[in-house]
N, C-alpha and C. Protein backbone atom coordinates (compact mmCIF):
# COMPACT_ATOMS: atom_id res chain seq x y z
N MET A 1 35.36 116.85 -41.03
CA MET A 1 35.61 117.53 -39.80
C MET A 1 37.06 117.99 -39.75
N LEU A 2 37.91 117.29 -40.37
CA LEU A 2 39.31 117.67 -40.44
C LEU A 2 39.48 118.96 -41.23
N GLY A 3 38.61 119.20 -42.15
CA GLY A 3 38.66 120.40 -42.95
C GLY A 3 38.36 121.63 -42.09
N PHE A 4 37.51 121.45 -41.13
CA PHE A 4 37.17 122.54 -40.24
C PHE A 4 38.39 122.98 -39.45
N LEU A 5 39.23 122.03 -39.01
CA LEU A 5 40.43 122.34 -38.24
C LEU A 5 41.49 122.98 -39.11
N MET A 6 41.37 122.79 -40.44
CA MET A 6 42.37 123.33 -41.34
C MET A 6 42.11 124.80 -41.67
N ASN A 7 41.01 125.29 -41.29
CA ASN A 7 40.70 126.68 -41.54
C ASN A 7 41.64 127.55 -40.71
N ARG A 8 42.25 128.50 -41.36
CA ARG A 8 43.27 129.29 -40.67
C ARG A 8 42.67 130.15 -39.56
N TRP A 9 41.41 130.53 -39.69
CA TRP A 9 40.79 131.33 -38.63
C TRP A 9 40.54 130.49 -37.39
N VAL A 10 40.16 129.29 -37.62
CA VAL A 10 39.93 128.39 -36.48
C VAL A 10 41.25 128.08 -35.80
N LEU A 11 42.25 127.79 -36.62
CA LEU A 11 43.57 127.51 -36.04
C LEU A 11 44.11 128.73 -35.31
N GLY A 12 43.92 129.90 -35.85
CA GLY A 12 44.36 131.14 -35.19
C GLY A 12 43.62 131.35 -33.88
N GLY A 13 42.30 131.08 -33.92
CA GLY A 13 41.50 131.22 -32.70
C GLY A 13 41.93 130.24 -31.62
N LEU A 14 42.19 128.97 -32.04
CA LEU A 14 42.66 127.97 -31.07
C LEU A 14 44.02 128.35 -30.51
N ALA A 15 44.89 128.81 -31.40
CA ALA A 15 46.22 129.24 -30.94
C ALA A 15 46.09 130.42 -29.98
N GLY A 16 45.17 131.34 -30.30
CA GLY A 16 44.93 132.49 -29.41
C GLY A 16 44.40 132.04 -28.05
N LEU A 17 43.47 131.05 -28.07
CA LEU A 17 42.94 130.53 -26.80
C LEU A 17 44.03 129.84 -25.98
N VAL A 18 44.86 129.08 -26.65
CA VAL A 18 45.96 128.41 -25.95
C VAL A 18 46.90 129.46 -25.38
N MET A 19 47.22 130.48 -26.17
CA MET A 19 48.13 131.52 -25.69
C MET A 19 47.48 132.30 -24.54
N LEU A 20 46.19 132.56 -24.66
CA LEU A 20 45.48 133.27 -23.60
C LEU A 20 45.47 132.44 -22.32
N GLY A 21 45.20 131.15 -22.45
CA GLY A 21 45.23 130.26 -21.28
C GLY A 21 46.63 130.20 -20.66
N PHE A 22 47.64 130.10 -21.52
CA PHE A 22 49.02 130.06 -21.03
C PHE A 22 49.38 131.38 -20.35
N SER A 23 48.96 132.50 -20.94
CA SER A 23 49.24 133.82 -20.35
C SER A 23 48.54 133.96 -19.00
N PHE A 24 47.26 133.50 -18.97
CA PHE A 24 46.53 133.56 -17.70
C PHE A 24 47.25 132.75 -16.62
N TRP A 25 47.63 131.52 -16.99
CA TRP A 25 48.31 130.64 -16.03
C TRP A 25 49.63 131.26 -15.58
N LYS A 26 50.40 131.81 -16.52
CA LYS A 26 51.69 132.43 -16.21
C LYS A 26 51.49 133.66 -15.32
N GLY A 27 50.50 134.48 -15.66
CA GLY A 27 50.20 135.67 -14.84
C GLY A 27 49.72 135.30 -13.45
N TYR A 28 48.88 134.29 -13.40
CA TYR A 28 48.35 133.85 -12.11
C TYR A 28 49.48 133.37 -11.19
N THR A 29 50.35 132.49 -11.72
CA THR A 29 51.45 131.96 -10.90
C THR A 29 52.45 133.05 -10.55
N ALA A 30 52.72 133.97 -11.51
CA ALA A 30 53.66 135.06 -11.23
C ALA A 30 53.07 135.98 -10.17
N GLY A 31 51.77 136.29 -10.28
CA GLY A 31 51.11 137.13 -9.28
C GLY A 31 51.10 136.46 -7.92
N LYS A 32 50.82 135.17 -7.95
CA LYS A 32 50.80 134.41 -6.69
C LYS A 32 52.18 134.43 -6.04
N ASP A 33 53.21 134.22 -6.84
CA ASP A 33 54.58 134.25 -6.31
C ASP A 33 54.95 135.64 -5.81
N ASN A 34 54.52 136.67 -6.56
CA ASN A 34 54.81 138.04 -6.17
C ASN A 34 54.14 138.37 -4.83
N ILE A 35 52.88 138.02 -4.71
CA ILE A 35 52.15 138.27 -3.46
C ILE A 35 52.78 137.47 -2.31
N GLN A 36 53.16 136.23 -2.58
CA GLN A 36 53.79 135.41 -1.55
C GLN A 36 55.10 136.04 -1.09
N GLN A 37 55.89 136.57 -2.03
CA GLN A 37 57.15 137.22 -1.67
C GLN A 37 56.90 138.47 -0.82
N LYS A 38 55.90 139.25 -1.21
CA LYS A 38 55.56 140.43 -0.42
C LYS A 38 55.08 140.03 0.98
N TRP A 39 54.29 139.00 1.04
CA TRP A 39 53.79 138.49 2.32
C TRP A 39 54.96 138.05 3.20
N ASP A 40 55.86 137.27 2.62
CA ASP A 40 57.02 136.79 3.37
C ASP A 40 57.90 137.95 3.83
N ALA A 41 58.10 138.95 2.96
CA ALA A 41 58.90 140.12 3.33
C ALA A 41 58.24 140.88 4.47
N GLU A 42 56.94 141.04 4.43
CA GLU A 42 56.21 141.73 5.49
C GLU A 42 56.31 140.96 6.81
N LYS A 43 56.21 139.65 6.72
CA LYS A 43 56.34 138.82 7.93
C LYS A 43 57.73 138.97 8.54
N VAL A 44 58.77 139.01 7.70
CA VAL A 44 60.14 139.18 8.18
C VAL A 44 60.28 140.52 8.87
N ILE A 45 59.71 141.58 8.27
CA ILE A 45 59.77 142.91 8.88
C ILE A 45 59.04 142.91 10.22
N GLN A 46 57.87 142.30 10.28
CA GLN A 46 57.10 142.23 11.53
C GLN A 46 57.86 141.45 12.60
N GLU A 47 58.48 140.36 12.21
CA GLU A 47 59.24 139.55 13.17
C GLU A 47 60.44 140.33 13.71
N ARG A 48 61.11 141.08 12.82
CA ARG A 48 62.25 141.90 13.27
C ARG A 48 61.79 142.99 14.23
N GLU A 49 60.67 143.64 13.90
CA GLU A 49 60.13 144.67 14.78
C GLU A 49 59.73 144.07 16.13
N MET A 50 59.10 142.91 16.09
CA MET A 50 58.68 142.25 17.32
C MET A 50 59.90 141.86 18.15
N LEU A 51 60.94 141.36 17.51
CA LEU A 51 62.17 141.00 18.22
C LEU A 51 62.82 142.24 18.82
N ALA A 52 62.84 143.35 18.06
CA ALA A 52 63.42 144.59 18.58
C ALA A 52 62.63 145.10 19.79
N LYS A 53 61.31 145.05 19.70
CA LYS A 53 60.49 145.49 20.84
C LYS A 53 60.65 144.56 22.04
N ALA A 54 60.78 143.27 21.78
CA ALA A 54 60.99 142.32 22.88
C ALA A 54 62.34 142.59 23.55
N ASN A 55 63.37 142.85 22.76
CA ASN A 55 64.69 143.17 23.33
C ASN A 55 64.64 144.48 24.11
N GLU A 56 63.91 145.44 23.60
CA GLU A 56 63.75 146.72 24.29
C GLU A 56 63.04 146.51 25.62
N ALA A 57 62.00 145.70 25.61
CA ALA A 57 61.26 145.40 26.85
C ALA A 57 62.15 144.67 27.85
N ILE A 58 62.96 143.75 27.36
CA ILE A 58 63.87 143.03 28.25
C ILE A 58 64.88 143.98 28.87
N GLU A 59 65.39 144.91 28.07
CA GLU A 59 66.36 145.89 28.58
C GLU A 59 65.71 146.81 29.62
N LYS A 60 64.48 147.25 29.36
CA LYS A 60 63.77 148.08 30.33
C LYS A 60 63.52 147.30 31.62
N GLU A 61 63.18 146.03 31.46
CA GLU A 61 62.95 145.19 32.64
C GLU A 61 64.23 145.05 33.45
N ARG A 62 65.36 144.88 32.76
CA ARG A 62 66.65 144.79 33.46
C ARG A 62 66.95 146.08 34.22
N GLN A 63 66.68 147.21 33.57
CA GLN A 63 66.93 148.50 34.22
C GLN A 63 66.04 148.67 35.45
N LEU A 64 64.75 148.33 35.29
CA LEU A 64 63.84 148.43 36.43
C LEU A 64 64.25 147.49 37.55
N GLN A 65 64.67 146.28 37.20
CA GLN A 65 65.09 145.32 38.21
C GLN A 65 66.34 145.81 38.92
N ALA A 66 67.26 146.41 38.17
CA ALA A 66 68.47 146.95 38.79
C ALA A 66 68.12 148.06 39.78
N LYS A 67 67.18 148.93 39.40
CA LYS A 67 66.74 149.99 40.30
C LYS A 67 66.06 149.41 41.53
N ALA A 68 65.22 148.40 41.31
CA ALA A 68 64.52 147.76 42.43
C ALA A 68 65.52 147.07 43.36
N ASP A 69 66.53 146.42 42.78
CA ASP A 69 67.56 145.77 43.60
C ASP A 69 68.34 146.80 44.43
N LYS A 70 68.63 147.94 43.81
CA LYS A 70 69.34 149.00 44.52
C LYS A 70 68.51 149.53 45.69
N ILE A 71 67.21 149.72 45.45
CA ILE A 71 66.31 150.18 46.50
C ILE A 71 66.24 149.15 47.63
N GLN A 72 66.15 147.89 47.26
CA GLN A 72 66.08 146.82 48.26
C GLN A 72 67.37 146.75 49.08
N LYS A 73 68.51 146.87 48.42
CA LYS A 73 69.79 146.85 49.14
C LYS A 73 69.89 148.02 50.12
N GLU A 74 69.39 149.17 49.70
CA GLU A 74 69.41 150.35 50.58
C GLU A 74 68.53 150.11 51.80
N ARG A 75 67.36 149.50 51.58
CA ARG A 75 66.47 149.21 52.72
C ARG A 75 67.12 148.21 53.67
N ILE A 76 67.75 147.19 53.12
CA ILE A 76 68.43 146.20 53.96
C ILE A 76 69.58 146.85 54.74
N ARG A 77 70.33 147.73 54.06
CA ARG A 77 71.44 148.43 54.72
C ARG A 77 70.92 149.30 55.86
N GLU A 78 69.82 150.02 55.61
CA GLU A 78 69.25 150.86 56.67
C GLU A 78 68.74 150.01 57.83
N SER A 79 68.14 148.87 57.52
CA SER A 79 67.67 147.98 58.59
C SER A 79 68.83 147.43 59.40
N GLN A 80 69.93 147.12 58.73
CA GLN A 80 71.11 146.64 59.45
C GLN A 80 71.68 147.71 60.37
N ILE A 81 71.69 148.95 59.90
CA ILE A 81 72.16 150.06 60.75
C ILE A 81 71.26 150.20 61.97
N VAL A 82 69.95 150.14 61.76
CA VAL A 82 69.00 150.23 62.87
C VAL A 82 69.23 149.09 63.85
N ASN A 83 69.41 147.87 63.34
CA ASN A 83 69.64 146.71 64.22
C ASN A 83 70.93 146.87 65.02
N ARG A 84 72.00 147.37 64.37
CA ARG A 84 73.26 147.58 65.10
C ARG A 84 73.08 148.62 66.19
N ARG A 85 72.39 149.72 65.88
CA ARG A 85 72.15 150.75 66.90
C ARG A 85 71.32 150.20 68.05
N TYR A 86 70.29 149.44 67.71
CA TYR A 86 69.44 148.85 68.75
C TYR A 86 70.24 147.90 69.63
N ASN A 87 71.02 147.02 69.01
CA ASN A 87 71.83 146.08 69.79
C ASN A 87 72.84 146.80 70.66
N ALA A 88 73.45 147.86 70.14
CA ALA A 88 74.42 148.63 70.94
C ALA A 88 73.71 149.30 72.10
N LEU A 89 72.52 149.83 71.86
CA LEU A 89 71.78 150.48 72.93
C LEU A 89 71.35 149.48 73.99
N VAL A 90 70.88 148.33 73.58
CA VAL A 90 70.48 147.30 74.56
C VAL A 90 71.70 146.83 75.35
N ASP A 91 72.84 146.67 74.68
CA ASP A 91 74.07 146.30 75.39
C ASP A 91 74.46 147.37 76.40
N SER A 92 74.24 148.62 76.07
CA SER A 92 74.60 149.69 77.01
C SER A 92 73.66 149.73 78.21
N LEU A 93 72.52 149.08 78.10
CA LEU A 93 71.54 149.07 79.20
C LEU A 93 71.78 147.93 80.18
N ARG A 94 72.80 147.14 79.95
CA ARG A 94 73.07 145.99 80.81
C ARG A 94 73.24 146.35 82.28
N ASP A 95 73.90 147.45 82.54
CA ASP A 95 74.19 147.84 83.92
C ASP A 95 73.07 148.68 84.54
N ARG A 96 72.03 148.94 83.82
CA ARG A 96 70.94 149.76 84.33
C ARG A 96 70.12 148.94 85.32
N PRO A 97 69.65 149.58 86.39
CA PRO A 97 68.85 148.85 87.38
C PRO A 97 67.49 148.42 86.79
N GLU A 98 66.96 147.35 87.33
CA GLU A 98 65.68 146.83 86.88
C GLU A 98 64.52 147.72 87.31
N GLY A 99 64.64 148.40 88.43
CA GLY A 99 63.57 149.26 88.95
C GLY A 99 63.93 150.72 88.78
N ARG A 100 62.99 151.58 89.11
CA ARG A 100 63.20 153.02 89.00
C ARG A 100 64.03 153.53 90.17
N ALA A 101 64.80 154.58 89.89
CA ALA A 101 65.64 155.17 90.94
C ALA A 101 64.76 155.86 91.97
N SER A 102 63.81 156.62 91.57
CA SER A 102 62.88 157.26 92.49
C SER A 102 61.53 157.37 91.81
N GLU A 103 60.50 157.44 92.60
CA GLU A 103 59.15 157.45 92.05
C GLU A 103 58.87 158.74 91.27
N HIS A 104 59.11 159.86 91.85
CA HIS A 104 58.88 161.14 91.19
C HIS A 104 60.04 162.07 91.51
N GLN A 105 60.36 162.91 90.56
CA GLN A 105 61.38 163.91 90.82
C GLN A 105 60.77 165.27 90.55
N LEU A 106 61.10 166.20 91.40
CA LEU A 106 60.56 167.54 91.26
C LEU A 106 61.44 168.37 90.35
N PRO A 107 60.87 169.42 89.75
CA PRO A 107 61.69 170.28 88.90
C PRO A 107 62.75 171.01 89.72
N ASP A 108 63.89 171.24 89.09
CA ASP A 108 64.92 172.04 89.77
C ASP A 108 64.65 173.52 89.50
N ASN A 109 65.56 174.36 89.85
CA ASN A 109 65.36 175.80 89.72
C ASN A 109 65.20 176.25 88.27
N SER A 110 65.70 175.48 87.30
CA SER A 110 65.60 175.88 85.89
C SER A 110 64.23 175.55 85.31
N GLY A 111 63.42 174.81 86.01
CA GLY A 111 62.11 174.45 85.51
C GLY A 111 62.09 173.11 84.81
N ASP A 112 63.25 172.49 84.61
CA ASP A 112 63.32 171.18 83.96
C ASP A 112 63.08 170.09 84.99
N VAL A 113 62.40 169.04 84.57
CA VAL A 113 62.20 167.89 85.44
C VAL A 113 63.45 167.03 85.32
N LEU A 114 64.07 166.74 86.45
CA LEU A 114 65.26 165.91 86.43
C LEU A 114 64.88 164.50 86.01
N GLY A 115 65.67 163.92 85.19
CA GLY A 115 65.43 162.55 84.78
C GLY A 115 64.61 162.42 83.50
N CYS A 116 64.21 163.49 82.88
CA CYS A 116 63.43 163.43 81.65
C CYS A 116 64.29 163.11 80.44
N THR A 117 65.56 162.94 80.62
CA THR A 117 66.43 162.60 79.51
C THR A 117 66.45 161.10 79.26
N GLY A 118 65.79 160.34 80.10
CA GLY A 118 65.81 158.90 79.98
C GLY A 118 66.88 158.29 80.86
N GLU A 119 67.61 159.14 81.53
CA GLU A 119 68.71 158.69 82.38
C GLU A 119 68.21 157.84 83.55
N GLY A 120 67.02 158.17 84.06
CA GLY A 120 66.50 157.46 85.21
C GLY A 120 65.56 156.32 84.85
N LEU A 121 65.44 155.98 83.57
CA LEU A 121 64.54 154.90 83.17
C LEU A 121 65.06 153.55 83.67
N ALA A 122 64.13 152.71 84.05
CA ALA A 122 64.49 151.34 84.42
C ALA A 122 64.86 150.57 83.16
N LYS A 123 65.61 149.51 83.33
CA LYS A 123 66.09 148.72 82.20
C LYS A 123 64.94 148.23 81.31
N PRO A 124 63.86 147.64 81.83
CA PRO A 124 62.77 147.16 80.96
C PRO A 124 62.13 148.30 80.16
N ASP A 125 61.96 149.46 80.82
CA ASP A 125 61.36 150.60 80.12
C ASP A 125 62.27 151.09 79.01
N ALA A 126 63.55 151.18 79.29
CA ALA A 126 64.52 151.65 78.29
C ALA A 126 64.61 150.67 77.13
N GLU A 127 64.58 149.36 77.41
CA GLU A 127 64.62 148.36 76.34
C GLU A 127 63.36 148.46 75.46
N PHE A 128 62.20 148.66 76.13
CA PHE A 128 60.97 148.80 75.37
C PHE A 128 61.04 150.00 74.43
N LEU A 129 61.47 151.13 74.97
CA LEU A 129 61.54 152.34 74.15
C LEU A 129 62.57 152.21 73.02
N ALA A 130 63.69 151.55 73.32
CA ALA A 130 64.70 151.34 72.28
C ALA A 130 64.14 150.44 71.17
N GLY A 131 63.42 149.39 71.54
CA GLY A 131 62.79 148.51 70.55
C GLY A 131 61.73 149.22 69.75
N TYR A 132 60.97 150.07 70.43
CA TYR A 132 59.93 150.85 69.76
C TYR A 132 60.54 151.80 68.74
N ALA A 133 61.63 152.45 69.12
CA ALA A 133 62.32 153.37 68.20
C ALA A 133 62.92 152.60 67.02
N ALA A 134 63.46 151.40 67.29
CA ALA A 134 64.04 150.58 66.22
C ALA A 134 62.94 150.14 65.25
N ASP A 135 61.78 149.74 65.78
CA ASP A 135 60.66 149.36 64.91
C ASP A 135 60.22 150.53 64.04
N ALA A 136 60.16 151.71 64.65
CA ALA A 136 59.77 152.90 63.88
C ALA A 136 60.79 153.18 62.78
N ALA A 137 62.07 153.02 63.07
CA ALA A 137 63.11 153.26 62.06
C ALA A 137 63.03 152.23 60.95
N ARG A 138 62.73 150.96 61.29
CA ARG A 138 62.57 149.93 60.26
C ARG A 138 61.37 150.22 59.37
N LEU A 139 60.28 150.64 60.00
CA LEU A 139 59.08 150.99 59.22
C LEU A 139 59.36 152.19 58.31
N GLN A 140 60.12 153.16 58.81
CA GLN A 140 60.47 154.30 57.98
C GLN A 140 61.31 153.86 56.78
N ALA A 141 62.26 152.93 57.01
CA ALA A 141 63.09 152.43 55.91
C ALA A 141 62.23 151.67 54.90
N ALA A 142 61.27 150.87 55.38
CA ALA A 142 60.38 150.14 54.47
C ALA A 142 59.50 151.11 53.68
N TYR A 143 59.01 152.14 54.35
CA TYR A 143 58.20 153.16 53.67
C TYR A 143 59.02 153.87 52.60
N ASP A 144 60.23 154.27 52.96
CA ASP A 144 61.09 154.95 51.98
C ASP A 144 61.37 154.05 50.78
N SER A 145 61.57 152.76 51.05
CA SER A 145 61.82 151.79 49.98
C SER A 145 60.60 151.68 49.06
N CYS A 146 59.42 151.58 49.66
CA CYS A 146 58.18 151.48 48.88
C CYS A 146 57.98 152.74 48.05
N LYS A 147 58.21 153.87 48.65
CA LYS A 147 58.02 155.14 47.96
C LYS A 147 58.99 155.26 46.78
N ALA A 148 60.23 154.88 47.00
CA ALA A 148 61.23 154.94 45.92
C ALA A 148 60.85 153.99 44.78
N ALA A 149 60.39 152.78 45.11
CA ALA A 149 59.98 151.82 44.08
C ALA A 149 58.77 152.36 43.32
N TYR A 150 57.83 152.96 44.03
CA TYR A 150 56.67 153.54 43.36
C TYR A 150 57.09 154.64 42.39
N GLU A 151 58.01 155.49 42.82
CA GLU A 151 58.47 156.58 41.96
C GLU A 151 59.17 156.05 40.71
N VAL A 152 59.94 154.98 40.86
CA VAL A 152 60.61 154.38 39.69
C VAL A 152 59.55 153.85 38.72
N ILE A 153 58.57 153.15 39.23
CA ILE A 153 57.52 152.58 38.38
C ILE A 153 56.69 153.69 37.75
N TYR A 154 56.38 154.73 38.52
CA TYR A 154 55.60 155.86 38.01
C TYR A 154 56.34 156.55 36.87
N GLU A 155 57.62 156.79 37.07
CA GLU A 155 58.43 157.45 36.03
C GLU A 155 58.52 156.57 34.78
N HIS A 156 58.65 155.25 34.99
CA HIS A 156 58.70 154.33 33.85
C HIS A 156 57.39 154.39 33.06
N GLY A 157 56.27 154.45 33.77
CA GLY A 157 54.98 154.53 33.10
C GLY A 157 54.79 155.83 32.34
N ARG A 158 55.33 156.92 32.86
CA ARG A 158 55.20 158.22 32.20
C ARG A 158 56.05 158.29 30.93
N GLN A 159 57.14 157.50 30.87
CA GLN A 159 58.03 157.54 29.73
C GLN A 159 57.44 156.85 28.50
N LYS A 160 56.47 156.00 28.72
CA LYS A 160 55.86 155.28 27.59
C LYS A 160 55.06 156.23 26.82
């Protein structure tokens, strides 16, 4: 049996098989390493892209929040102006009589009804109307704020 192993063709064939096995193993591990490196490189690229998009989203969120804060501050400022006007008007009504000056007034020669300027209003009526006007102004400020916020969001959505 030892003579069989001494045959040069058998030894060449065995050496070829060993070399083929070694080449296969070397190619397999090299290919595996190559694919793993490509996979890792692709993951790094994806992570960088994801981080860049996340940072972009954070920046857009900051910009939108800044615009929303500005809109909110404007609404608060307008409400404060309305409140100051209302308080000043109510303070000016302090000396107004509680009842009406006269029940009805007839038109003068110009055709205007005297007292339609609010001058003859009783204090409770004038306070009610002043409060009603202040509420309307506050609602207008809230509406304007909502509309401005909607427009900011709408424009942001169109930019995508």
